[in-house]
């Protein structure tokens, strides 16, 4: 299994506003990385999964593109 870098973009829904995010994480599949993002954002901001919307998951091809 090869570990790749993925960029996940989306937004979080708070009672007073929507906040966009873009996170890069390493994982073996896009599903693993999405699960990790749900876990991190949910615990950090005390949000349930239905308040976190994932818009896109894309693989970062080159190391120069990693932010």
C-alpha atoms as a PDB file:
ATOM      1  CA  UNK A   1       0.000   0.000   0.000  1.00  0.00           C
ATOM      2  CA  UNK A   2       1.292   3.378  -0.992  1.00  0.00           C
ATOM      3  CA  UNK A   3       0.836   6.423   1.211  1.00  0.00           C
ATOM      4  CA  UNK A   4      -0.285   9.512  -0.729  1.00  0.00           C
ATOM      5  CA  UNK A   5      -1.039  13.124   0.171  1.00  0.00           C
ATOM      6  CA  UNK A   6      -4.630  14.330  -0.257  1.00  0.00           C
ATOM      7  CA  UNK A   7      -6.113  17.830  -0.133  1.00  0.00           C
ATOM      8  CA  UNK A   8      -9.606  17.950   1.403  1.00  0.00           C
ATOM      9  CA  UNK A   9     -11.703  21.095   0.983  1.00  0.00           C
ATOM     10  CA  UNK A  10     -15.081  21.892   2.428  1.00  0.00           C
ATOM     11  CA  UNK A  11     -16.825  23.958   5.052  1.00  0.00           C
ATOM     12  CA  UNK A  12     -18.041  23.730   8.636  1.00  0.00           C
ATOM     13  CA  UNK A  13     -21.486  24.945   9.632  1.00  0.00           C
ATOM     14  CA  UNK A  14     -21.569  26.889  12.883  1.00  0.00           C
ATOM     15  CA  UNK A  15     -24.765  28.490  14.236  1.00  0.00           C
ATOM     16  CA  UNK A  16     -23.492  31.945  13.293  1.00  0.00           C
ATOM     17  CA  UNK A  17     -21.506  31.311  10.057  1.00  0.00           C
ATOM     18  CA  UNK A  18     -19.983  28.893   7.558  1.00  0.00           C
ATOM     19  CA  UNK A  19     -16.206  28.505   7.677  1.00  0.00           C
ATOM     20  CA  UNK A  20     -14.263  27.138   4.710  1.00  0.00           C
ATOM     21  CA  UNK A  21     -11.286  24.847   5.210  1.00  0.00           C
ATOM     22  CA  UNK A  22      -8.568  23.181   3.177  1.00  0.00           C
ATOM     23  CA  UNK A  23      -6.569  20.452   4.885  1.00  0.00           C
ATOM     24  CA  UNK A  24      -3.805  18.205   3.574  1.00  0.00           C
ATOM     25  CA  UNK A  25      -3.310  14.791   5.121  1.00  0.00           C
ATOM     26  CA  UNK A  26      -1.458  11.603   4.236  1.00  0.00           C
ATOM     27  CA  UNK A  27      -3.272   8.312   3.874  1.00  0.00           C
ATOM     28  CA  UNK A  28      -3.626   5.138   1.861  1.00  0.00           C
ATOM     29  CA  UNK A  29      -7.055   5.967   0.407  1.00  0.00           C
ATOM     30  CA  UNK A  30      -9.380   8.975   0.104  1.00  0.00           C
ATOM     31  CA  UNK A  31     -11.895   7.310   2.442  1.00  0.00           C
ATOM     32  CA  UNK A  32      -9.280   6.998   5.204  1.00  0.00           C
ATOM     33  CA  UNK A  33      -8.334  10.647   4.886  1.00  0.00           C
ATOM     34  CA  UNK A  34     -11.965  11.844   4.947  1.00  0.00           C
ATOM     35  CA  UNK A  35     -12.545   9.816   8.116  1.00  0.00           C
ATOM     36  CA  UNK A  36      -9.468  11.425   9.682  1.00  0.00           C
ATOM     37  CA  UNK A  37     -10.677  14.938   8.780  1.00  0.00           C
ATOM     38  CA  UNK A  38     -14.137  14.278  10.246  1.00  0.00           C
ATOM     39  CA  UNK A  39     -12.493  13.040  13.438  1.00  0.00           C
ATOM     40  CA  UNK A  40     -10.050  15.951  13.745  1.00  0.00           C
ATOM     41  CA  UNK A  41     -12.515  18.745  12.985  1.00  0.00           C
ATOM     42  CA  UNK A  42     -15.245  17.207  15.105  1.00  0.00           C
ATOM     43  CA  UNK A  43     -13.039  16.938  18.158  1.00  0.00           C
ATOM     44  CA  UNK A  44     -11.304  20.281  17.666  1.00  0.00           C
ATOM     45  CA  UNK A  45     -14.483  22.331  17.084  1.00  0.00           C
ATOM     46  CA  UNK A  46     -17.045  20.136  18.902  1.00  0.00           C
ATOM     47  CA  UNK A  47     -19.019  19.554  15.689  1.00  0.00           C
ATOM     48  CA  UNK A  48     -21.067  16.546  14.645  1.00  0.00           C
ATOM     49  CA  UNK A  49     -20.402  14.999  11.255  1.00  0.00           C
ATOM     50  CA  UNK A  50     -23.581  16.416   9.724  1.00  0.00           C
ATOM     51  CA  UNK A  51     -22.194  19.935  10.362  1.00  0.00           C
ATOM     52  CA  UNK A  52     -19.009  19.238   8.331  1.00  0.00           C
ATOM     53  CA  UNK A  53     -19.366  19.239   4.531  1.00  0.00           C
ATOM     54  CA  UNK A  54     -16.645  17.816   2.305  1.00  0.00           C
ATOM     55  CA  UNK A  55     -16.634  19.429  -1.158  1.00  0.00           C
ATOM     56  CA  UNK A  56     -13.627  17.740  -2.759  1.00  0.00           C
ATOM     57  CA  UNK A  57     -10.853  15.249  -2.124  1.00  0.00           C
ATOM     58  CA  UNK A  58      -7.950  15.381  -4.539  1.00  0.00           C
ATOM     59  CA  UNK A  59      -4.567  13.755  -4.588  1.00  0.00           C
ATOM     60  CA  UNK A  60      -1.584  16.112  -4.466  1.00  0.00           C
ATOM     61  CA  UNK A  61       0.734  14.871  -7.190  1.00  0.00           C
ATOM     62  CA  UNK A  62       3.877  16.910  -6.611  1.00  0.00           C
ATOM     63  CA  UNK A  63       5.603  17.667  -3.338  1.00  0.00           C
ATOM     64  CA  UNK A  64       5.954  21.305  -4.416  1.00  0.00           C
ATOM     65  CA  UNK A  65       2.145  21.665  -4.317  1.00  0.00           C
ATOM     66  CA  UNK A  66       1.876  20.665  -0.654  1.00  0.00           C
ATOM     67  CA  UNK A  67       1.088  23.675   1.509  1.00  0.00           C
END
